[in-house]
């Protein structure tokens, strides 16, 4: 069994491996396990074996996979948003000045 945990024993995935999934002999068999984390927890991988004989686990590689469409582009459009807010404030200020100028004129 392969298990990936994080934090205080929070199990992200538990995958049972059968003997027919392993290559016979001394060759390593690559087993891919997919899981998702909230991102702030350290993770740990565990391998358990309850059969007869000897099983050895090799190196573990944990690789981040970006979701479809790539990473979330946080603040990618901040210049446009800044221009929008600044322009709105400027136009508002100009309208206030026009209203003030209009009130000073006799009708």
PDB file of N, CA and C in Angstrom:
ATOM      1  N   UNK A   1       0.843  -1.159   0.000  1.00  0.00           N
ATOM      2  CA  UNK A   1       0.000   0.000   0.000  1.00  0.00           C
ATOM      3  C   UNK A   1       0.900   1.237   0.000  1.00  0.00           C
ATOM      4  N   UNK A   2       0.538   2.208  -0.800  1.00  0.00           N
ATOM      5  CA  UNK A   2       1.233   3.493  -0.819  1.00  0.00           C
ATOM      6  C   UNK A   2       0.273   4.518  -0.251  1.00  0.00           C
ATOM      7  N   UNK A   3       0.806   5.358   0.632  1.00  0.00           N
ATOM      8  CA  UNK A   3      -0.022   6.348   1.294  1.00  0.00           C
ATOM      9  C   UNK A   3       0.701   7.695   1.240  1.00  0.00           C
ATOM     10  N   UNK A   4      -0.040   8.754   0.990  1.00  0.00           N
ATOM     11  CA  UNK A   4       0.509  10.110   1.038  1.00  0.00           C
ATOM     12  C   UNK A   4      -0.284  10.859   2.100  1.00  0.00           C
ATOM     13  N   UNK A   5       0.447  11.369   3.093  1.00  0.00           N
ATOM     14  CA  UNK A   5      -0.216  12.082   4.177  1.00  0.00           C
ATOM     15  C   UNK A   5       0.369  13.485   4.303  1.00  0.00           C
ATOM     16  N   UNK A   6      -0.330  14.330   5.014  1.00  0.00           N
ATOM     17  CA  UNK A   6       0.149  15.680   5.266  1.00  0.00           C
ATOM     18  C   UNK A   6      -0.287  16.143   6.634  1.00  0.00           C
ATOM     19  N   UNK A   7       0.519  17.008   7.227  1.00  0.00           N
ATOM     20  CA  UNK A   7       0.161  17.552   8.536  1.00  0.00           C
ATOM     21  C   UNK A   7       0.026  16.462   9.574  1.00  0.00           C
ATOM     22  N   UNK A   8      -1.022  16.532  10.354  1.00  0.00           N
ATOM     23  CA  UNK A   8      -1.254  15.571  11.439  1.00  0.00           C
ATOM     24  C   UNK A   8      -1.996  14.342  10.907  1.00  0.00           C
ATOM     25  N   UNK A   9      -1.321  13.548  10.115  1.00  0.00           N
ATOM     26  CA  UNK A   9      -1.858  12.299   9.572  1.00  0.00           C
ATOM     27  C   UNK A   9      -3.123  12.484   8.735  1.00  0.00           C
ATOM     28  N   UNK A  10      -3.207  13.560   8.013  1.00  0.00           N
ATOM     29  CA  UNK A  10      -4.318  13.765   7.067  1.00  0.00           C
ATOM     30  C   UNK A  10      -3.989  12.986   5.798  1.00  0.00           C
ATOM     31  N   UNK A  11      -4.776  11.990   5.478  1.00  0.00           N
ATOM     32  CA  UNK A  11      -4.492  11.115   4.337  1.00  0.00           C
ATOM     33  C   UNK A  11      -5.026  11.759   3.053  1.00  0.00           C
ATOM     34  N   UNK A  12      -4.124  12.003   2.118  1.00  0.00           N
ATOM     35  CA  UNK A  12      -4.514  12.555   0.817  1.00  0.00           C
ATOM     36  C   UNK A  12      -4.854  11.443  -0.167  1.00  0.00           C
ATOM     37  N   UNK A  13      -4.119  10.338  -0.094  1.00  0.00           N
ATOM     38  CA  UNK A  13      -4.404   9.199  -0.966  1.00  0.00           C
ATOM     39  C   UNK A  13      -3.864   7.930  -0.307  1.00  0.00           C
ATOM     40  N   UNK A  14      -4.577   6.845  -0.535  1.00  0.00           N
ATOM     41  CA  UNK A  14      -4.145   5.522  -0.079  1.00  0.00           C
ATOM     42  C   UNK A  14      -4.426   4.586  -1.248  1.00  0.00           C
ATOM     43  N   UNK A  15      -3.363   4.049  -1.831  1.00  0.00           N
ATOM     44  CA  UNK A  15      -3.519   3.207  -3.019  1.00  0.00           C
ATOM     45  C   UNK A  15      -2.947   1.826  -2.737  1.00  0.00           C
ATOM     46  N   UNK A  16      -3.770   0.804  -2.972  1.00  0.00           N
ATOM     47  CA  UNK A  16      -3.342  -0.568  -2.767  1.00  0.00           C
ATOM     48  C   UNK A  16      -2.732  -1.093  -4.061  1.00  0.00           C
ATOM     49  N   UNK A  17      -1.592  -1.746  -3.948  1.00  0.00           N
ATOM     50  CA  UNK A  17      -0.853  -2.274  -5.094  1.00  0.00           C
ATOM     51  C   UNK A  17      -0.917  -3.800  -5.025  1.00  0.00           C
ATOM     52  N   UNK A  18      -1.259  -4.418  -6.149  1.00  0.00           N
ATOM     53  CA  UNK A  18      -1.315  -5.888  -6.223  1.00  0.00           C
ATOM     54  C   UNK A  18      -0.018  -6.405  -6.828  1.00  0.00           C
ATOM     55  N   UNK A  19       0.293  -7.641  -6.541  1.00  0.00           N
ATOM     56  CA  UNK A  19       1.539  -8.249  -7.016  1.00  0.00           C
ATOM     57  C   UNK A  19       1.640  -8.221  -8.529  1.00  0.00           C
ATOM     58  N   UNK A  20       0.522  -8.369  -9.240  1.00  0.00           N
ATOM     59  CA  UNK A  20       0.597  -8.393 -10.707  1.00  0.00           C
ATOM     60  C   UNK A  20       0.881  -7.005 -11.298  1.00  0.00           C
ATOM     61  N   UNK A  21       0.873  -5.950 -10.464  1.00  0.00           N
ATOM     62  CA  UNK A  21       1.236  -4.610 -10.933  1.00  0.00           C
ATOM     63  C   UNK A  21       2.743  -4.379 -10.867  1.00  0.00           C
ATOM     64  N   UNK A  22       3.462  -5.272 -10.182  1.00  0.00           N
ATOM     65  CA  UNK A  22       4.908  -5.137 -10.021  1.00  0.00           C
ATOM     66  C   UNK A  22       5.642  -6.005 -11.028  1.00  0.00           C
ATOM     67  N   UNK A  23       6.794  -5.524 -11.479  1.00  0.00           N
ATOM     68  CA  UNK A  23       7.611  -6.302 -12.408  1.00  0.00           C
ATOM     69  C   UNK A  23       8.396  -7.346 -11.607  1.00  0.00           C
ATOM     70  N   UNK A  24       8.416  -8.579 -12.084  1.00  0.00           N
ATOM     71  CA  UNK A  24       9.134  -9.621 -11.341  1.00  0.00           C
ATOM     72  C   UNK A  24      10.651  -9.392 -11.369  1.00  0.00           C
ATOM     73  N   UNK A  25      11.328  -9.958 -10.415  1.00  0.00           N
ATOM     74  CA  UNK A  25      12.783  -9.819 -10.353  1.00  0.00           C
ATOM     75  C   UNK A  25      13.178  -8.616  -9.508  1.00  0.00           C
ATOM     76  N   UNK A  26      14.337  -8.075  -9.799  1.00  0.00           N
ATOM     77  CA  UNK A  26      14.865  -6.971  -9.007  1.00  0.00           C
ATOM     78  C   UNK A  26      14.612  -5.612  -9.639  1.00  0.00           C
ATOM     79  N   UNK A  27      13.822  -5.549 -10.653  1.00  0.00           N
ATOM     80  CA  UNK A  27      13.580  -4.270 -11.333  1.00  0.00           C
ATOM     81  C   UNK A  27      12.599  -3.414 -10.542  1.00  0.00           C
ATOM     82  N   UNK A  28      12.819  -2.123 -10.579  1.00  0.00           N
ATOM     83  CA  UNK A  28      11.880  -1.204  -9.946  1.00  0.00           C
ATOM     84  C   UNK A  28      10.683  -1.013 -10.863  1.00  0.00           C
ATOM     85  N   UNK A  29       9.527  -0.890 -10.276  1.00  0.00           N
ATOM     86  CA  UNK A  29       8.305  -0.629 -11.020  1.00  0.00           C
ATOM     87  C   UNK A  29       7.822   0.757 -10.631  1.00  0.00           C
ATOM     88  N   UNK A  30       7.631   1.602 -11.615  1.00  0.00           N
ATOM     89  CA  UNK A  30       7.164   2.956 -11.327  1.00  0.00           C
ATOM     90  C   UNK A  30       5.662   2.931 -11.063  1.00  0.00           C
ATOM     91  N   UNK A  31       5.283   3.453  -9.925  1.00  0.00           N
ATOM     92  CA  UNK A  31       3.873   3.546  -9.547  1.00  0.00           C
ATOM     93  C   UNK A  31       3.540   5.026  -9.425  1.00  0.00           C
ATOM     94  N   UNK A  32       2.561   5.490 -10.185  1.00  0.00           N
ATOM     95  CA  UNK A  32       2.149   6.889 -10.118  1.00  0.00           C
ATOM     96  C   UNK A  32       0.895   6.997  -9.265  1.00  0.00           C
ATOM     97  N   UNK A  33       0.931   7.930  -8.336  1.00  0.00           N
ATOM     98  CA  UNK A  33      -0.189   8.167  -7.438  1.00  0.00           C
ATOM     99  C   UNK A  33      -0.533   9.646  -7.530  1.00  0.00           C
ATOM    100  N   UNK A  34      -1.760   9.947  -7.894  1.00  0.00           N
ATOM    101  CA  UNK A  34      -2.179  11.343  -8.001  1.00  0.00           C
ATOM    102  C   UNK A  34      -2.939  11.751  -6.742  1.00  0.00           C
ATOM    103  N   UNK A  35      -2.676  12.968  -6.283  1.00  0.00           N
ATOM    104  CA  UNK A  35      -3.374  13.495  -5.108  1.00  0.00           C
ATOM    105  C   UNK A  35      -3.338  15.012  -5.160  1.00  0.00           C
ATOM    106  N   UNK A  36      -4.210  15.624  -4.398  1.00  0.00           N
ATOM    107  CA  UNK A  36      -4.260  17.085  -4.322  1.00  0.00           C
ATOM    108  C   UNK A  36      -4.136  17.503  -2.867  1.00  0.00           C
ATOM    109  N   UNK A  37      -3.441  18.600  -2.634  1.00  0.00           N
ATOM    110  CA  UNK A  37      -3.282  19.147  -1.288  1.00  0.00           C
ATOM    111  C   UNK A  37      -3.729  20.602  -1.287  1.00  0.00           C
ATOM    112  N   UNK A  38      -4.028  21.143  -0.112  1.00  0.00           N
ATOM    113  CA  UNK A  38      -4.355  22.564  -0.055  1.00  0.00           C
ATOM    114  C   UNK A  38      -3.118  23.429  -0.232  1.00  0.00           C
ATOM    115  N   UNK A  39      -1.935  22.837  -0.167  1.00  0.00           N
ATOM    116  CA  UNK A  39      -0.715  23.558  -0.464  1.00  0.00           C
ATOM    117  C   UNK A  39       0.094  24.015   0.723  1.00  0.00           C
ATOM    118  N   UNK A  40      -0.491  24.134   1.894  1.00  0.00           N
ATOM    119  CA  UNK A  40       0.269  24.659   3.019  1.00  0.00           C
ATOM    120  C   UNK A  40       0.808  23.570   3.944  1.00  0.00           C
ATOM    121  N   UNK A  41       0.520  22.317   3.654  1.00  0.00           N
ATOM    122  CA  UNK A  41       0.941  21.229   4.530  1.00  0.00           C
ATOM    123  C   UNK A  41       2.169  20.517   3.969  1.00  0.00           C
ATOM    124  N   UNK A  42       3.129  20.156   4.827  1.00  0.00           N
ATOM    125  CA  UNK A  42       4.215  19.291   4.358  1.00  0.00           C
ATOM    126  C   UNK A  42       3.641  17.900   4.105  1.00  0.00           C
ATOM    127  N   UNK A  43       4.175  17.194   3.131  1.00  0.00           N
ATOM    128  CA  UNK A  43       3.650  15.867   2.826  1.00  0.00           C
ATOM    129  C   UNK A  43       4.683  14.796   3.123  1.00  0.00           C
ATOM    130  N   UNK A  44       4.184  13.582   3.308  1.00  0.00           N
ATOM    131  CA  UNK A  44       5.038  12.436   3.576  1.00  0.00           C
ATOM    132  C   UNK A  44       4.469  11.252   2.815  1.00  0.00           C
ATOM    133  N   UNK A  45       5.359  10.462   2.211  1.00  0.00           N
ATOM    134  CA  UNK A  45       4.912   9.248   1.533  1.00  0.00           C
ATOM    135  C   UNK A  45       5.284   8.041   2.398  1.00  0.00           C
ATOM    136  N   UNK A  46       4.410   7.043   2.388  1.00  0.00           N
ATOM    137  CA  UNK A  46       4.639   5.832   3.173  1.00  0.00           C
ATOM    138  C   UNK A  46       4.368   4.617   2.289  1.00  0.00           C
ATOM    139  N   UNK A  47       5.138   3.560   2.532  1.00  0.00           N
ATOM    140  CA  UNK A  47       4.932   2.296   1.833  1.00  0.00           C
ATOM    141  C   UNK A  47       4.758   1.206   2.892  1.00  0.00           C
ATOM    142  N   UNK A  48       3.685   0.433   2.778  1.00  0.00           N
ATOM    143  CA  UNK A  48       3.403  -0.663   3.695  1.00  0.00           C
ATOM    144  C   UNK A  48       3.349  -1.962   2.900  1.00  0.00           C
ATOM    145  N   UNK A  49       3.873  -3.026   3.496  1.00  0.00           N
ATOM    146  CA  UNK A  49       3.850  -4.336   2.848  1.00  0.00           C
ATOM    147  C   UNK A  49       3.438  -5.371   3.874  1.00  0.00           C
ATOM    148  N   UNK A  50       2.424  -6.183   3.552  1.00  0.00           N
ATOM    149  CA  UNK A  50       1.921  -7.169   4.501  1.00  0.00           C
ATOM    150  C   UNK A  50       1.953  -8.577   3.917  1.00  0.00           C
ATOM    151  N   UNK A  51       2.764  -8.774   2.889  1.00  0.00           N
ATOM    152  CA  UNK A  51       2.828 -10.087   2.250  1.00  0.00           C
ATOM    153  C   UNK A  51       4.022 -10.883   2.721  1.00  0.00           C
ATOM    154  N   UNK A  52       4.320 -11.954   1.973  1.00  0.00           N
ATOM    155  CA  UNK A  52       5.478 -12.786   2.268  1.00  0.00           C
ATOM    156  C   UNK A  52       6.591 -12.402   1.311  1.00  0.00           C
ATOM    157  N   UNK A  53       7.817 -12.582   1.747  1.00  0.00           N
ATOM    158  CA  UNK A  53       8.948 -12.242   0.902  1.00  0.00           C
ATOM    159  C   UNK A  53       9.437 -10.834   1.219  1.00  0.00           C
ATOM    160  N   UNK A  54      10.182 -10.275   0.279  1.00  0.00           N
ATOM    161  CA  UNK A  54      10.793  -8.967   0.486  1.00  0.00           C
ATOM    162  C   UNK A  54      10.349  -8.006  -0.607  1.00  0.00           C
ATOM    163  N   UNK A  55       9.993  -6.835  -0.199  1.00  0.00           N
ATOM    164  CA  UNK A  55       9.678  -5.764  -1.143  1.00  0.00           C
ATOM    165  C   UNK A  55      10.497  -4.556  -0.736  1.00  0.00           C
ATOM    166  N   UNK A  56      11.152  -3.951  -1.714  1.00  0.00           N
ATOM    167  CA  UNK A  56      11.931  -2.743  -1.448  1.00  0.00           C
ATOM    168  C   UNK A  56      11.307  -1.593  -2.223  1.00  0.00           C
ATOM    169  N   UNK A  57      11.271  -0.452  -1.585  1.00  0.00           N
ATOM    170  CA  UNK A  57      10.782   0.733  -2.302  1.00  0.00           C
ATOM    171  C   UNK A  57      11.981   1.601  -2.643  1.00  0.00           C
ATOM    172  N   UNK A  58      11.907   2.192  -3.806  1.00  0.00           N
ATOM    173  CA  UNK A  58      12.996   3.035  -4.275  1.00  0.00           C
ATOM    174  C   UNK A  58      12.745   4.493  -3.961  1.00  0.00           C
ATOM    175  N   UNK A  59      13.429   5.363  -4.674  1.00  0.00           N
ATOM    176  CA  UNK A  59      13.262   6.797  -4.430  1.00  0.00           C
ATOM    177  C   UNK A  59      11.846   7.260  -4.758  1.00  0.00           C
ATOM    178  N   UNK A  60      11.412   8.276  -4.030  1.00  0.00           N
ATOM    179  CA  UNK A  60      10.084   8.847  -4.230  1.00  0.00           C
ATOM    180  C   UNK A  60      10.260  10.241  -4.821  1.00  0.00           C
ATOM    181  N   UNK A  61       9.564  10.500  -5.892  1.00  0.00           N
ATOM    182  CA  UNK A  61       9.599  11.810  -6.538  1.00  0.00           C
ATOM    183  C   UNK A  61       8.199  12.393  -6.465  1.00  0.00           C
ATOM    184  N   UNK A  62       8.082  13.537  -5.824  1.00  0.00           N
ATOM    185  CA  UNK A  62       6.804  14.239  -5.761  1.00  0.00           C
ATOM    186  C   UNK A  62       6.920  15.425  -6.695  1.00  0.00           C
ATOM    187  N   UNK A  63       6.039  15.478  -7.671  1.00  0.00           N
ATOM    188  CA  UNK A  63       6.116  16.501  -8.704  1.00  0.00           C
ATOM    189  C   UNK A  63       4.808  17.265  -8.763  1.00  0.00           C
ATOM    190  N   UNK A  64       4.906  18.586  -8.728  1.00  0.00           N
ATOM    191  CA  UNK A  64       3.716  19.429  -8.815  1.00  0.00           C
ATOM    192  C   UNK A  64       3.225  19.451 -10.256  1.00  0.00           C
ATOM    193  N   UNK A  65       1.947  19.242 -10.415  1.00  0.00           N
ATOM    194  CA  UNK A  65       1.337  19.289 -11.739  1.00  0.00           C
ATOM    195  C   UNK A  65       0.338  20.427 -11.728  1.00  0.00           C
ATOM    196  N   UNK A  66       0.520  21.353 -12.645  1.00  0.00           N
ATOM    197  CA  UNK A  66      -0.386  22.499 -12.730  1.00  0.00           C
ATOM    198  C   UNK A  66      -1.730  22.049 -13.283  1.00  0.00           C
ATOM    199  N   UNK A  67      -2.811  22.665 -12.815  1.00  0.00           N
ATOM    200  CA  UNK A  67      -4.124  22.327 -13.355  1.00  0.00           C
ATOM    201  C   UNK A  67      -4.236  22.725 -14.822  1.00  0.00           C
ATOM    202  N   UNK A  68      -5.236  22.170 -15.495  1.00  0.00           N
ATOM    203  CA  UNK A  68      -5.465  22.502 -16.900  1.00  0.00           C
ATOM    204  C   UNK A  68      -5.540  24.008 -17.072  1.00  0.00           C
ATOM    205  N   UNK A  69      -4.913  24.524 -18.098  1.00  0.00           N
ATOM    206  CA  UNK A  69      -4.945  25.967 -18.338  1.00  0.00           C
ATOM    207  C   UNK A  69      -3.786  26.695 -17.688  1.00  0.00           C
ATOM    208  N   UNK A  70      -2.905  25.998 -16.983  1.00  0.00           N
ATOM    209  CA  UNK A  70      -1.756  26.632 -16.377  1.00  0.00           C
ATOM    210  C   UNK A  70      -2.068  27.206 -15.004  1.00  0.00           C
ATOM    211  N   UNK A  71      -1.061  27.850 -14.412  1.00  0.00           N
ATOM    212  CA  UNK A  71      -1.256  28.394 -13.074  1.00  0.00           C
ATOM    213  C   UNK A  71      -2.207  29.580 -13.078  1.00  0.00           C
ATOM    214  N   UNK A  72      -2.847  29.778 -11.958  1.00  0.00           N
ATOM    215  CA  UNK A  72      -3.738  30.933 -11.828  1.00  0.00           C
ATOM    216  C   UNK A  72      -2.899  32.199 -11.902  1.00  0.00           C
ATOM    217  N   UNK A  73      -3.262  33.086 -12.782  1.00  0.00           N
ATOM    218  CA  UNK A  73      -2.501  34.319 -12.980  1.00  0.00           C
ATOM    219  C   UNK A  73      -3.021  35.389 -12.034  1.00  0.00           C
ATOM    220  N   UNK A  74      -2.511  35.381 -10.840  1.00  0.00           N
ATOM    221  CA  UNK A  74      -2.942  36.360  -9.854  1.00  0.00           C
ATOM    222  C   UNK A  74      -2.340  37.711 -10.208  1.00  0.00           C
ATOM    223  N   UNK A  75      -3.171  38.689 -10.191  1.00  0.00           N
ATOM    224  CA  UNK A  75      -2.761  40.061 -10.451  1.00  0.00           C
ATOM    225  C   UNK A  75      -2.101  40.239 -11.812  1.00  0.00           C
ATOM    226  N   UNK A  76      -2.446  39.410 -12.758  1.00  0.00           N
ATOM    227  CA  UNK A  76      -1.873  39.533 -14.088  1.00  0.00           C
ATOM    228  C   UNK A  76      -2.311  40.830 -14.749  1.00  0.00           C
ATOM    229  N   UNK A  77      -3.551  41.240 -14.500  1.00  0.00           N
ATOM    230  CA  UNK A  77      -4.083  42.437 -15.134  1.00  0.00           C
ATOM    231  C   UNK A  77      -4.081  43.636 -14.198  1.00  0.00           C
ATOM    232  N   UNK A  78      -3.174  43.667 -13.218  1.00  0.00           N
ATOM    233  CA  UNK A  78      -3.184  44.770 -12.261  1.00  0.00           C
ATOM    234  C   UNK A  78      -2.955  46.122 -12.911  1.00  0.00           C
ATOM    235  N   UNK A  79      -2.121  46.276 -13.951  1.00  0.00           N
ATOM    236  CA  UNK A  79      -1.989  47.612 -14.548  1.00  0.00           C
ATOM    237  C   UNK A  79      -3.314  48.114 -15.129  1.00  0.00           C
ATOM    238  N   UNK A  80      -4.049  47.216 -15.771  1.00  0.00           N
ATOM    239  CA  UNK A  80      -5.342  47.607 -16.344  1.00  0.00           C
ATOM    240  C   UNK A  80      -6.332  47.969 -15.241  1.00  0.00           C
ATOM    241  N   UNK A  81      -6.366  47.190 -14.170  1.00  0.00           N
ATOM    242  CA  UNK A  81      -7.262  47.492 -13.055  1.00  0.00           C
ATOM    243  C   UNK A  81      -6.886  48.816 -12.405  1.00  0.00           C
ATOM    244  N   UNK A  82      -5.588  49.056 -12.238  1.00  0.00           N
ATOM    245  CA  UNK A  82      -5.122  50.318 -11.654  1.00  0.00           C
ATOM    246  C   UNK A  82      -5.532  51.495 -12.533  1.00  0.00           C
ATOM    247  N   UNK A  83      -5.370  51.359 -13.838  1.00  0.00           N
ATOM    248  CA  UNK A  83      -5.765  52.412 -14.778  1.00  0.00           C
ATOM    249  C   UNK A  83      -7.277  52.639 -14.717  1.00  0.00           C
ATOM    250  N   UNK A  84      -8.054  51.582 -14.625  1.00  0.00           N
ATOM    251  CA  UNK A  84      -9.516  51.690 -14.550  1.00  0.00           C
ATOM    252  C   UNK A  84      -9.947  52.452 -13.300  1.00  0.00           C
ATOM    253  N   UNK A  85      -9.403  52.052 -12.152  1.00  0.00           N
ATOM    254  CA  UNK A  85      -9.764  52.715 -10.895  1.00  0.00           C
ATOM    255  C   UNK A  85      -9.275  54.160 -10.897  1.00  0.00           C
ATOM    256  N   UNK A  86      -8.048  54.393 -11.329  1.00  0.00           N
ATOM    257  CA  UNK A  86      -7.500  55.755 -11.385  1.00  0.00           C
ATOM    258  C   UNK A  86      -8.284  56.641 -12.334  1.00  0.00           C
ATOM    259  N   UNK A  87      -8.623  56.100 -13.495  1.00  0.00           N
ATOM    260  CA  UNK A  87      -9.401  56.870 -14.472  1.00  0.00           C
ATOM    261  C   UNK A  87     -10.789  57.194 -13.951  1.00  0.00           C
ATOM    262  N   UNK A  88     -11.408  56.245 -13.275  1.00  0.00           N
ATOM    263  CA  UNK A  88     -12.732  56.484 -12.706  1.00  0.00           C
ATOM    264  C   UNK A  88     -12.672  57.581 -11.647  1.00  0.00           C
ATOM    265  N   UNK A  89     -11.658  57.546 -10.794  1.00  0.00           N
ATOM    266  CA  UNK A  89     -11.501  58.575  -9.761  1.00  0.00           C
ATOM    267  C   UNK A  89     -11.245  59.943 -10.394  1.00  0.00           C
ATOM    268  N   UNK A  90     -10.421  59.984 -11.440  1.00  0.00           N
ATOM    269  CA  UNK A  90     -10.120  61.251 -12.116  1.00  0.00           C
ATOM    270  C   UNK A  90     -11.371  61.844 -12.768  1.00  0.00           C
ATOM    271  N   UNK A  91     -12.122  61.032 -13.460  1.00  0.00           N
ATOM    272  CA  UNK A  91     -13.354  61.518 -14.106  1.00  0.00           C
ATOM    273  C   UNK A  91     -14.361  61.979 -13.056  1.00  0.00           C
ATOM    274  N   UNK A  92     -14.457  61.245 -11.942  1.00  0.00           N
ATOM    275  CA  UNK A  92     -15.339  61.659 -10.850  1.00  0.00           C
ATOM    276  C   UNK A  92     -14.932  63.017 -10.289  1.00  0.00           C
ATOM    277  N   UNK A  93     -13.628  63.213 -10.094  1.00  0.00           N
ATOM    278  CA  UNK A  93     -13.139  64.489  -9.577  1.00  0.00           C
ATOM    279  C   UNK A  93     -13.438  65.623 -10.553  1.00  0.00           C
ATOM    280  N   UNK A  94     -13.281  65.360 -11.864  1.00  0.00           N
ATOM    281  CA  UNK A  94     -13.590  66.387 -12.872  1.00  0.00           C
ATOM    282  C   UNK A  94     -15.074  66.742 -12.855  1.00  0.00           C
ATOM    283  N   UNK A  95     -15.950  65.768 -12.705  1.00  0.00           N
ATOM    284  CA  UNK A  95     -17.389  66.045 -12.624  1.00  0.00           C
ATOM    285  C   UNK A  95     -17.715  66.895 -11.398  1.00  0.00           C
ATOM    286  N   UNK A  96     -17.066  66.604 -10.285  1.00  0.00           N
ATOM    287  CA  UNK A  96     -17.294  67.403  -9.076  1.00  0.00           C
ATOM    288  C   UNK A  96     -16.883  68.851  -9.328  1.00  0.00           C
ATOM    289  N   UNK A  97     -15.748  69.052  -9.977  1.00  0.00           N
ATOM    290  CA  UNK A  97     -15.292  70.420 -10.276  1.00  0.00           C
ATOM    291  C   UNK A  97     -16.255  71.127 -11.228  1.00  0.00           C
ATOM    292  N   UNK A  98     -16.775  70.410 -12.224  1.00  0.00           N
ATOM    293  CA  UNK A  98     -17.739  71.010 -13.141  1.00  0.00           C
ATOM    294  C   UNK A  98     -19.027  71.399 -12.417  1.00  0.00           C
ATOM    295  N   UNK A  99     -19.474  70.569 -11.507  1.00  0.00           N
ATOM    296  CA  UNK A  99     -20.681  70.875 -10.743  1.00  0.00           C
ATOM    297  C   UNK A  99     -20.445  72.115  -9.875  1.00  0.00           C
ATOM    298  N   UNK A 100     -19.257  72.200  -9.249  1.00  0.00           N
ATOM    299  CA  UNK A 100     -18.938  73.362  -8.425  1.00  0.00           C
ATOM    300  C   UNK A 100     -18.892  74.639  -9.270  1.00  0.00           C
ATOM    301  N   UNK A 101     -18.320  74.559 -10.476  1.00  0.00           N
ATOM    302  CA  UNK A 101     -18.248  75.722 -11.357  1.00  0.00           C
ATOM    303  C   UNK A 101     -19.656  76.126 -11.812  1.00  0.00           C
ATOM    304  N   UNK A 102     -20.517  75.160 -12.066  1.00  0.00           N
ATOM    305  CA  UNK A 102     -21.878  75.432 -12.509  1.00  0.00           C
ATOM    306  C   UNK A 102     -22.715  76.101 -11.431  1.00  0.00           C
ATOM    307  N   UNK A 103     -22.451  75.837 -10.179  1.00  0.00           N
ATOM    308  CA  UNK A 103     -23.219  76.422  -9.092  1.00  0.00           C
ATOM    309  C   UNK A 103     -22.874  77.885  -8.882  1.00  0.00           C
ATOM    310  N   UNK A 104     -21.706  78.318  -9.267  1.00  0.00           N
ATOM    311  CA  UNK A 104     -21.289  79.692  -9.073  1.00  0.00           C
ATOM    312  C   UNK A 104     -21.870  80.631 -10.120  1.00  0.00           C
ATOM    313  N   UNK A 105     -22.372  80.122 -11.213  1.00  0.00           N
ATOM    314  CA  UNK A 105     -22.928  80.967 -12.287  1.00  0.00           C
ATOM    315  C   UNK A 105     -24.367  81.354 -11.995  1.00  0.00           C
ATOM    316  N   UNK A 106     -24.729  82.587 -12.312  1.00  0.00           N
ATOM    317  CA  UNK A 106     -26.143  82.938 -12.166  1.00  0.00           C
ATOM    318  C   UNK A 106     -26.983  82.308 -13.256  1.00  0.00           C
ATOM    319  N   UNK A 107     -28.172  81.969 -12.948  1.00  0.00           N
ATOM    320  CA  UNK A 107     -29.059  81.326 -13.897  1.00  0.00           C
ATOM    321  C   UNK A 107     -29.964  82.309 -14.588  1.00  0.00           C
TER     322      UNK A 107
END
